[in-house]
Amino acid sequence: MPAAERRSAQARLRGGAYLLLHRATGSKLGSYYREFLRQDRERSYPPPGELLARTLVHAVTTVPHYRGVASPRAIEADPFAALAKFPLLDRETVRTSHRQLLSEAGDRGTWIENTSGGSTGEPVRLLQDPDHLAWTVAAREVYSTWAGGGLGEPELYIWGSEKDLEGGASLRNRVGNGLLRRRLLNAFQLTDETIEAILARLRQGPPNLVIAYAQAGYEVARYAARREIEVPPQRGAIATAGTLYDFMRDQLEETFGCRVLNRYGSRETGDMAGECEHRTGLHVLPWNCHVEVLDAEGAPVGPGEEGEIAVTGFTNRAMPLVRYLIGDRARLPEREVECPCGRRTQMLAEVTGRSVDTFLGADGQMVDGEYFTHLMYFRPWLRQFQVVQRAPAEVVYRVACEAEIPPADREEIVAKTRTVLGEACTVEFEQVETIEPSASGKLRYTIRAF
């Protein structure tokens, strides 16, 4: 048997053993994975309103917070019209009305506590049922096939969440990772030594599907480029857990020698959307959720417009989140997208970042944080940066430098900052040794601190 066929056969055996492990522990992961994979290959997904209707009926009939919002009959007749009647749900309500958001149905003894990543410094406590976890993991594994992965094929995670790494993972997950040849390397505190270990793993082969926190993966790729360390082409790469800026994608693709896809997800609902190989935008994963993009008044934005994301998860029966304001912003496509991949799903043009990372101008207009990241591109003196708006007319550029800041560059950054935030804006530069990631392992490039 040729070597490639032998490796493929071994991968199928490892993937089968992984699914059997989950079946032996009572998980439906295997059946969900096979069904989702079939649907994806045939491009035959559940009707858009079917999962939404099921979720909303469960919410109004078993969850005190939603009781009486709409009748089951009205939901089944038009789930999207019924959804608009549900109140928007913010993080503060989840914290203060936690008990009212729990379902009165189901076996509470099996529910699992989780928390959101808390990149705003405000983590949310969640309860999730085992079926939600099996469903969302199955969807995630199917999405990995879009990037060149497959159950049993080697994967390298450059990861920043302690609860997923070896020390915090369950026994089942540790055994499962071993079966799948899935290696998770801690990117929470990146040092020269940890980056060297990651690059050594990539050089050992065989080619991996690299799944990385966007910022952590970028730091590894930039380190390799700076020290001229060659990395063999990998199977593919997925960047997640943070905004994937163009400069980051370019460096990742140059270093890893493969296409990089952008995946968007959360602890609250699992993976929500991701690019396919054509990168025409982000496909909302049809199994997990429905996404709305809303303006400041809570109304849907128009084509090509940006707004705040409200997500309704389809999978968690323990604590359904309906129209949950997750704290991120997205832009809709300017026109209907018929992606060459054939997946006819809800689409986002891009996820633009955290709502708190959008700055406010002097007259109250919103300024996308990416405006400020672009000001820092291609500065040879710069190693790391973070832009903090402390007040409407006060901005601080925190910079870790390779050399002194040239006066011309400083003047240009100050002038362009005042162009959007007003001539009265105070602009300061704070030089630091390094910029640490947040508690969730993510480096936030822009922060609005008021």
Protein backbone atom coordinates (compact mmCIF):
# COMPACT_ATOMS: atom_id res chain seq x y z
CA MET A 1 0.00 0.00 0.00
CA PRO A 2 1.43 3.45 -0.90
CA ALA A 3 2.52 5.56 2.05
CA ALA A 4 -0.20 8.20 1.49
CA GLU A 5 -2.95 5.56 1.46
CA ARG A 6 -1.49 3.93 4.57
CA ARG A 7 -1.49 7.26 6.44
CA SER A 8 -5.07 7.92 5.35
CA ALA A 9 -6.19 4.49 6.54
CA GLN A 10 -4.46 5.02 9.88
CA ALA A 11 -6.16 8.40 10.27
CA ARG A 12 -9.58 6.80 9.67
CA LEU A 13 -8.83 4.19 12.34
CA ARG A 14 -7.79 6.85 14.83
CA GLY A 15 -10.89 8.92 14.05
CA GLY A 16 -13.12 5.86 14.49
CA ALA A 17 -11.50 5.03 17.83
CA TYR A 18 -12.06 8.63 18.97
CA LEU A 19 -15.77 8.45 18.16
CA LEU A 20 -16.05 5.08 19.92
CA LEU A 21 -14.46 6.61 23.01
CA HIS A 22 -17.17 9.25 23.11
CA ARG A 23 -19.90 6.69 22.47
CA ALA A 24 -18.61 4.56 25.38
CA THR A 25 -19.01 7.56 27.69
CA GLY A 26 -22.58 8.24 26.57
CA SER A 27 -21.86 11.05 24.11
CA LYS A 28 -23.70 11.38 20.78
CA LEU A 29 -20.71 13.10 19.19
CA GLY A 30 -20.19 10.33 16.63
CA SER A 31 -23.75 10.30 15.31
CA TYR A 32 -23.83 14.09 15.11
CA TYR A 33 -20.47 14.24 13.36
CA ARG A 34 -21.41 11.67 10.72
CA GLU A 35 -24.75 13.38 10.05
CA PHE A 36 -23.28 16.89 9.84
CA LEU A 37 -20.48 15.65 7.60
CA ARG A 38 -23.04 14.02 5.28
CA GLN A 39 -25.11 17.20 5.17
CA ASP A 40 -22.03 19.29 4.45
CA ARG A 41 -20.83 17.06 1.63
CA GLU A 42 -24.29 17.04 0.06
CA ARG A 43 -24.87 20.75 0.83
CA SER A 44 -28.23 19.74 2.29
CA TYR A 45 -28.66 21.47 5.62
CA PRO A 46 -31.73 21.70 7.88
CA PRO A 47 -34.21 24.38 6.73
CA PRO A 48 -33.11 27.72 8.24
CA GLY A 49 -36.16 28.08 10.49
CA GLU A 50 -36.37 24.50 11.74
CA LEU A 51 -33.70 24.61 14.43
CA LEU A 52 -34.64 28.18 15.35
CA ALA A 53 -38.30 27.21 15.89
CA ARG A 54 -37.31 24.23 18.04
CA THR A 55 -35.11 26.47 20.19
CA LEU A 56 -37.70 29.20 20.66
CA VAL A 57 -40.50 26.76 21.55
CA HIS A 58 -38.23 25.16 24.16
CA ALA A 59 -37.39 28.61 25.54
CA VAL A 60 -40.97 29.88 25.93
CA THR A 61 -42.24 26.60 27.41
CA THR A 62 -39.45 25.78 29.90
CA VAL A 63 -37.45 28.93 30.69
CA PRO A 64 -38.97 31.51 33.09
CA HIS A 65 -37.14 34.44 31.47
CA TYR A 66 -38.82 33.79 28.10
CA ARG A 67 -42.23 32.53 29.20
CA GLY A 68 -45.06 34.35 27.46
CA VAL A 69 -42.90 36.16 24.88
CA ALA A 70 -44.57 34.26 22.03
CA SER A 71 -46.84 31.25 21.65
CA PRO A 72 -45.50 27.95 20.32
CA ARG A 73 -48.05 28.15 17.51
CA ALA A 74 -46.84 31.60 16.43
CA ILE A 75 -43.23 30.44 16.58
CA GLU A 76 -43.88 27.41 14.41
CA ALA A 77 -45.82 29.53 11.91
CA ASP A 78 -42.99 32.05 11.44
CA PRO A 79 -39.93 31.56 13.68
CA PHE A 80 -38.11 34.62 12.34
CA ALA A 81 -41.04 36.97 13.02
CA ALA A 82 -41.37 35.42 16.48
CA LEU A 83 -37.65 35.91 17.15
CA ALA A 84 -38.04 39.69 16.72
CA LYS A 85 -40.43 39.71 19.71
CA PHE A 86 -37.81 38.33 22.07
CA PRO A 87 -35.92 40.89 24.15
CA LEU A 88 -32.23 41.40 23.54
CA LEU A 89 -30.13 39.62 26.16
CA ASP A 90 -26.97 41.25 27.47
CA ARG A 91 -24.19 39.98 29.73
CA GLU A 92 -25.45 41.88 32.76
CA THR A 93 -28.84 40.18 32.50
CA VAL A 94 -27.15 36.78 32.25
CA ARG A 95 -25.25 37.56 35.45
CA THR A 96 -28.13 39.05 37.45
CA SER A 97 -30.95 36.79 36.18
CA HIS A 98 -28.97 33.57 35.93
CA ARG A 99 -31.59 31.36 37.59
CA GLN A 100 -34.41 32.76 35.46
CA LEU A 101 -32.50 31.72 32.32
CA LEU A 102 -32.24 28.05 33.32
CA SER A 103 -34.65 25.55 31.82
CA GLU A 104 -37.10 23.77 34.11
CA ALA A 105 -36.72 20.66 31.94
CA GLY A 106 -33.80 18.25 31.72
CA ASP A 107 -31.51 16.57 34.22
CA ARG A 108 -29.67 19.31 36.08
CA GLY A 109 -27.32 16.75 37.54
CA THR A 110 -25.71 16.32 34.13
CA TRP A 111 -25.28 20.01 33.34
CA ILE A 112 -21.74 21.33 33.07
CA GLU A 113 -20.58 24.75 34.23
CA ASN A 114 -18.60 26.82 31.77
CA THR A 115 -17.56 30.44 31.54
CA SER A 116 -17.09 32.76 28.60
CA GLY A 117 -13.59 33.84 27.71
CA GLY A 118 -14.17 37.20 29.34
CA SER A 119 -11.94 39.21 26.98
CA THR A 120 -13.73 42.33 28.22
CA GLY A 121 -12.82 41.41 31.79
CA GLU A 122 -16.43 40.37 32.46
CA PRO A 123 -16.71 36.56 32.17
CA VAL A 124 -20.20 35.07 32.18
CA ARG A 125 -21.13 31.90 34.06
CA LEU A 126 -22.96 29.37 31.89
CA LEU A 127 -24.62 25.99 32.36
CA GLN A 128 -24.57 23.65 29.36
CA ASP A 129 -25.98 20.18 28.84
CA PRO A 130 -23.86 17.28 27.52
CA ASP A 131 -25.77 17.16 24.24
CA HIS A 132 -24.83 20.78 23.54
CA LEU A 133 -21.17 19.91 23.97
CA ALA A 134 -21.41 16.86 21.67
CA TRP A 135 -23.31 18.85 19.03
CA THR A 136 -20.97 21.84 18.98
CA VAL A 137 -17.81 19.70 18.98
CA ALA A 138 -19.21 17.72 16.03
CA ALA A 139 -19.84 20.96 14.12
CA ARG A 140 -16.33 22.16 14.93
CA GLU A 141 -14.80 18.93 13.63
CA VAL A 142 -16.75 19.23 10.38
CA TYR A 143 -15.61 22.81 9.99
CA SER A 144 -12.00 21.66 10.32
CA THR A 145 -12.46 19.64 7.12
CA TRP A 146 -13.02 22.95 5.29
CA ALA A 147 -9.41 23.86 6.12
CA GLY A 148 -7.86 20.53 5.12
CA GLY A 149 -8.27 18.65 8.40
CA GLY A 150 -10.00 15.40 9.22
CA LEU A 151 -10.49 13.21 12.26
CA GLY A 152 -7.24 11.38 12.92
CA GLU A 153 -5.07 13.68 10.83
CA PRO A 154 -2.38 15.46 12.88
CA GLU A 155 -3.33 18.80 14.40
CA LEU A 156 -1.33 21.37 16.31
CA TYR A 157 -3.16 23.85 18.51
CA ILE A 158 -1.41 27.07 19.44
CA TRP A 159 -3.85 27.74 22.19
CA GLY A 160 -4.35 30.24 24.97
CA SER A 161 -7.18 28.79 27.06
CA GLU A 162 -5.88 26.98 30.14
CA LYS A 163 -9.07 24.94 30.58
CA ASP A 164 -8.47 23.20 27.22
CA LEU A 165 -4.80 22.40 27.73
CA GLU A 166 -3.47 19.16 29.17
CA GLY A 167 -3.57 20.29 32.78
CA GLY A 168 -7.18 21.43 32.61
CA ALA A 169 -8.70 18.96 30.13
CA SER A 170 -10.83 16.00 31.19
CA LEU A 171 -9.45 12.46 31.02
CA ARG A 172 -11.69 11.73 28.02
CA ASN A 173 -10.36 14.76 26.17
CA ARG A 174 -6.76 13.90 26.97
CA VAL A 175 -7.22 10.35 25.68
CA GLY A 176 -9.13 11.67 22.66
CA ASN A 177 -6.38 14.14 21.82
CA GLY A 178 -3.86 11.31 21.91
CA LEU A 179 -5.96 9.16 19.58
CA LEU A 180 -6.32 12.03 17.12
CA ARG A 181 -2.65 13.02 17.17
CA ARG A 182 -3.85 16.39 18.38
CA ARG A 183 -1.22 18.37 20.26
CA LEU A 184 -2.12 21.46 22.27
CA LEU A 185 0.75 23.81 23.03
CA ASN A 186 0.31 26.59 25.56
CA ALA A 187 0.39 30.01 23.96
CA PHE A 188 -0.89 31.80 27.07
CA GLN A 189 2.57 33.14 27.85
CA LEU A 190 4.62 33.21 24.67
CA THR A 191 8.38 33.22 25.24
CA ASP A 192 11.29 32.49 22.91
CA GLU A 193 11.44 28.99 24.43
CA THR A 194 7.74 28.20 23.90
CA ILE A 195 7.81 29.56 20.36
CA GLU A 196 10.89 27.49 19.57
CA ALA A 197 9.05 24.40 20.86
CA ILE A 198 6.06 25.15 18.62
CA LEU A 199 8.27 25.65 15.56
CA ALA A 200 10.24 22.48 16.34
CA ARG A 201 6.98 20.54 16.43
CA LEU A 202 5.95 21.95 13.06
CA ARG A 203 9.32 21.08 11.53
CA GLN A 204 9.13 17.46 12.72
CA GLY A 205 6.19 16.69 10.44
CA PRO A 206 3.99 15.32 9.12
CA PRO A 207 2.09 18.45 8.02
CA ASN A 208 -0.46 19.56 10.60
CA LEU A 209 -3.71 21.40 10.51
CA VAL A 210 -2.66 24.39 12.62
CA ILE A 211 -5.42 25.85 14.79
CA ALA A 212 -4.30 28.97 16.59
CA TYR A 213 -5.42 31.93 18.58
CA ALA A 214 -5.04 34.59 15.89
CA GLN A 215 -2.66 36.73 17.91
CA ALA A 216 -0.63 33.81 19.24
CA GLY A 217 -0.27 32.25 15.80
CA TYR A 218 0.82 35.60 14.41
CA GLU A 219 3.48 35.97 17.11
CA VAL A 220 4.86 32.51 16.27
CA ALA A 221 4.85 33.24 12.53
CA ARG A 222 6.49 36.62 13.01
CA TYR A 223 9.19 35.10 15.24
CA ALA A 224 9.98 32.51 12.55
CA ALA A 225 10.19 35.19 9.86
CA ARG A 226 12.37 37.48 11.98
CA ARG A 227 14.86 34.67 12.70
CA GLU A 228 14.59 33.18 9.21
CA ILE A 229 13.36 29.82 10.54
CA GLU A 230 11.90 27.73 7.70
CA VAL A 231 8.66 25.88 8.41
CA PRO A 232 7.52 23.12 6.01
CA PRO A 233 4.12 23.78 4.38
CA GLN A 234 1.28 22.67 6.65
CA ARG A 235 -2.05 21.04 5.69
CA GLY A 236 -3.99 24.20 6.46
CA ALA A 237 -4.56 26.71 9.25
CA ILE A 238 -7.48 28.14 11.18
CA ALA A 239 -7.19 31.42 13.12
CA THR A 240 -9.71 32.03 15.86
CA ALA A 241 -10.28 33.68 19.26
CA GLY A 242 -9.58 37.22 18.09
CA THR A 243 -9.77 39.52 15.11
CA LEU A 244 -7.69 38.24 12.18
CA TYR A 245 -6.25 41.37 10.62
CA ASP A 246 -4.89 41.26 7.07
CA PHE A 247 -1.31 41.79 8.23
CA MET A 248 -1.65 38.79 10.55
CA ARG A 249 -3.11 36.53 7.86
CA ASP A 250 -0.36 37.51 5.41
CA GLN A 251 2.38 36.59 7.90
CA LEU A 252 0.68 33.32 8.90
CA GLU A 253 0.32 32.20 5.28
CA GLU A 254 3.90 33.15 4.43
CA THR A 255 5.32 31.24 7.40
CA PHE A 256 3.10 28.16 7.39
CA GLY A 257 2.90 27.84 3.59
CA CYS A 258 -0.85 27.23 3.50
CA ARG A 259 -4.20 28.99 3.33
CA VAL A 260 -5.45 30.49 6.61
CA LEU A 261 -9.19 30.49 7.33
CA ASN A 262 -10.90 32.74 9.86
CA ARG A 263 -13.20 31.00 12.38
CA TYR A 264 -15.48 32.85 14.79
CA GLY A 265 -16.86 31.25 17.93
CA SER A 266 -17.46 31.62 21.64
CA ARG A 267 -17.79 29.65 24.84
CA GLU A 268 -21.45 30.61 24.98
CA THR A 269 -22.57 29.04 21.69
CA GLY A 270 -19.63 27.15 20.19
CA ASP A 271 -18.39 28.02 16.73
CA MET A 272 -20.70 30.45 14.99
CA ALA A 273 -19.16 31.16 11.59
CA GLY A 274 -16.10 30.54 9.47
CA GLU A 275 -14.58 31.05 6.07
CA CYS A 276 -14.48 28.32 3.45
CA GLU A 277 -11.64 27.87 0.99
CA HIS A 278 -13.05 30.64 -1.27
CA ARG A 279 -13.02 33.24 1.52
CA THR A 280 -16.07 35.11 0.26
CA GLY A 281 -17.06 35.90 3.86
CA LEU A 282 -17.92 33.86 6.93
CA HIS A 283 -20.55 31.15 6.63
CA VAL A 284 -22.74 30.99 9.72
CA LEU A 285 -22.56 27.31 10.68
CA PRO A 286 -26.06 26.00 9.93
CA TRP A 287 -26.16 23.57 12.87
CA ASN A 288 -25.26 25.89 15.74
CA CYS A 289 -26.95 29.27 15.65
CA HIS A 290 -28.75 32.14 13.97
CA VAL A 291 -26.99 35.52 13.89
CA GLU A 292 -28.50 39.01 13.71
CA VAL A 293 -26.49 42.19 13.11
CA LEU A 294 -28.19 45.15 14.80
CA ASP A 295 -27.76 48.91 14.99
CA ALA A 296 -27.63 50.99 18.18
CA GLU A 297 -31.44 50.95 18.43
CA GLY A 298 -31.65 47.18 18.04
CA ALA A 299 -32.93 47.22 14.46
CA PRO A 300 -31.35 45.07 11.71
CA VAL A 301 -28.62 46.83 9.76
CA GLY A 302 -28.72 47.00 5.97
CA PRO A 303 -26.49 45.30 3.38
CA GLY A 304 -22.84 46.29 3.77
CA GLU A 305 -23.46 47.89 7.17
CA GLU A 306 -21.80 47.10 10.48
CA GLY A 307 -23.51 46.48 13.79
CA GLU A 308 -23.58 44.49 16.97
CA ILE A 309 -23.99 40.72 16.89
CA ALA A 310 -27.00 39.12 18.58
CA VAL A 311 -26.75 35.32 18.48
CA THR A 312 -29.39 32.71 19.17
CA GLY A 313 -27.86 29.34 19.94
CA PHE A 314 -29.66 26.19 18.78
CA THR A 315 -28.00 23.60 20.98
CA ASN A 316 -28.00 24.36 24.72
CA ARG A 317 -31.25 23.17 26.28
CA ALA A 318 -29.99 23.83 29.83
CA MET A 319 -29.63 27.60 29.38
CA PRO A 320 -30.87 28.82 25.99
CA LEU A 321 -29.43 32.15 24.91
CA VAL A 322 -31.82 33.99 22.60
CA ARG A 323 -30.72 37.22 20.89
CA TYR A 324 -27.64 37.32 23.08
CA LEU A 325 -25.48 40.42 22.65
CA ILE A 326 -22.15 38.67 22.70
CA GLY A 327 -20.11 41.86 22.61
CA ASP A 328 -18.75 41.57 19.06
CA ARG A 329 -19.44 43.52 15.90
CA ALA A 330 -19.83 42.31 12.33
CA ARG A 331 -20.53 43.65 8.87
CA LEU A 332 -23.06 42.16 6.47
CA PRO A 333 -22.22 41.51 2.80
CA GLU A 334 -23.17 44.32 0.43
CA ARG A 335 -25.21 41.88 -1.64
CA GLU A 336 -26.38 38.30 -1.44
CA VAL A 337 -23.42 35.94 -1.66
CA GLU A 338 -23.58 32.79 -3.76
CA CYS A 339 -20.33 31.24 -2.64
CA PRO A 340 -18.61 28.95 -5.19
CA CYS A 341 -18.39 26.29 -2.47
CA GLY A 342 -22.14 25.69 -2.86
CA ARG A 343 -22.99 26.24 0.81
CA ARG A 344 -26.14 28.34 0.90
CA THR A 345 -25.91 29.61 4.45
CA GLN A 346 -26.38 32.87 6.26
CA MET A 347 -23.24 34.98 5.63
CA LEU A 348 -21.22 37.65 7.39
CA ALA A 349 -18.79 39.78 5.40
CA GLU A 350 -16.48 40.00 8.40
CA VAL A 351 -16.38 40.05 12.18
CA THR A 352 -14.82 43.42 12.93
CA GLY A 353 -13.97 42.99 16.62
CA ARG A 354 -15.21 43.61 20.10
CA SER A 355 -17.81 46.32 20.59
CA VAL A 356 -15.59 47.81 23.30
CA ASP A 357 -12.78 48.07 20.75
CA THR A 358 -14.69 50.57 18.63
CA PHE A 359 -13.56 54.08 19.56
CA LEU A 360 -15.79 57.13 19.90
CA GLY A 361 -15.02 60.35 18.07
CA ALA A 362 -15.45 63.88 19.37
CA ASP A 363 -19.00 64.14 18.04
CA GLY A 364 -19.98 60.63 19.15
CA GLN A 365 -19.39 58.86 15.85
CA MET A 366 -17.93 55.36 16.02
CA VAL A 367 -14.43 54.71 14.66
CA ASP A 368 -13.47 51.12 13.89
CA GLY A 369 -10.49 50.01 15.93
CA GLU A 370 -8.88 48.70 12.75
CA TYR A 371 -8.24 52.31 11.70
CA PHE A 372 -5.69 52.52 14.51
CA THR A 373 -4.11 49.12 13.85
CA HIS A 374 -3.48 50.18 10.25
CA LEU A 375 -1.54 53.19 11.53
CA MET A 376 0.95 50.76 13.11
CA TYR A 377 1.57 48.53 10.09
CA PHE A 378 5.05 48.23 8.59
CA ARG A 379 6.87 50.11 11.33
CA PRO A 380 10.30 48.43 11.54
CA TRP A 381 10.90 49.87 15.02
CA LEU A 382 7.75 48.22 16.41
CA ARG A 383 7.49 44.75 17.97
CA GLN A 384 4.08 44.90 19.71
CA PHE A 385 1.42 47.54 20.20
CA GLN A 386 -1.89 48.24 21.87
CA VAL A 387 -4.04 51.35 21.42
CA VAL A 388 -6.12 52.44 24.42
CA GLN A 389 -8.77 55.16 24.32
CA ARG A 390 -8.94 56.23 27.97
CA ALA A 391 -11.42 59.05 27.37
CA PRO A 392 -13.10 60.58 24.29
CA ALA A 393 -10.13 62.93 23.82
CA GLU A 394 -7.32 60.79 25.25
CA VAL A 395 -5.49 57.98 23.45
CA VAL A 396 -2.41 56.06 24.53
CA TYR A 397 -0.29 53.98 22.17
CA ARG A 398 1.41 51.28 24.24
CA VAL A 399 4.44 50.11 22.23
CA ALA A 400 7.15 47.51 22.68
CA CYS A 401 9.91 48.75 20.44
CA GLU A 402 12.89 47.29 18.61
CA ALA A 403 14.37 50.80 18.28
CA GLU A 404 13.60 54.44 19.01
CA ILE A 405 10.41 55.82 17.48
CA PRO A 406 11.36 58.08 14.57
CA PRO A 407 9.97 61.61 15.12
CA ALA A 408 8.32 61.57 11.67
CA ASP A 409 6.46 58.36 12.49
CA ARG A 410 5.34 59.74 15.85
CA GLU A 411 4.04 62.92 14.23
CA GLU A 412 2.20 60.96 11.51
CA ILE A 413 0.44 58.72 14.05
CA VAL A 414 -0.57 61.69 16.20
CA ALA A 415 -1.92 63.62 13.21
CA LYS A 416 -3.94 60.71 11.83
CA THR A 417 -5.35 59.94 15.28
CA ARG A 418 -6.57 63.51 15.63
CA THR A 419 -8.09 63.36 12.14
CA VAL A 420 -10.76 60.95 13.43
CA LEU A 421 -10.89 61.80 17.15
CA GLY A 422 -10.57 65.59 16.96
CA GLU A 423 -7.74 68.10 17.11
CA ALA A 424 -8.16 68.40 20.90
CA CYS A 425 -7.33 64.72 21.39
CA THR A 426 -4.29 64.08 23.59
CA VAL A 427 -2.06 61.36 22.08
CA GLU A 428 0.62 59.73 24.21
CA PHE A 429 3.15 56.94 23.65
CA GLU A 430 3.93 54.56 26.49
CA GLN A 431 6.96 52.34 25.94
CA VAL A 432 6.80 48.89 27.59
CA GLU A 433 8.93 45.74 27.53
CA THR A 434 6.07 43.54 26.38
CA ILE A 435 2.29 43.56 26.13
CA GLU A 436 0.72 40.66 27.97
CA PRO A 437 -2.44 38.94 26.72
CA SER A 438 -5.65 39.23 28.71
CA ALA A 439 -6.79 36.53 31.14
CA SER A 440 -8.32 34.65 28.20
CA GLY A 441 -4.97 34.49 26.42
CA LYS A 442 -5.89 37.04 23.75
CA LEU A 443 -3.99 40.21 22.98
CA ARG A 444 -6.41 43.04 22.35
CA TYR A 445 -4.94 45.50 19.89
CA THR A 446 -7.49 48.21 20.63
CA ILE A 447 -9.30 48.92 23.90
CA ARG A 448 -11.92 51.53 24.71
CA ALA A 449 -11.53 51.90 28.47
CA PHE A 450 -14.57 54.04 29.33
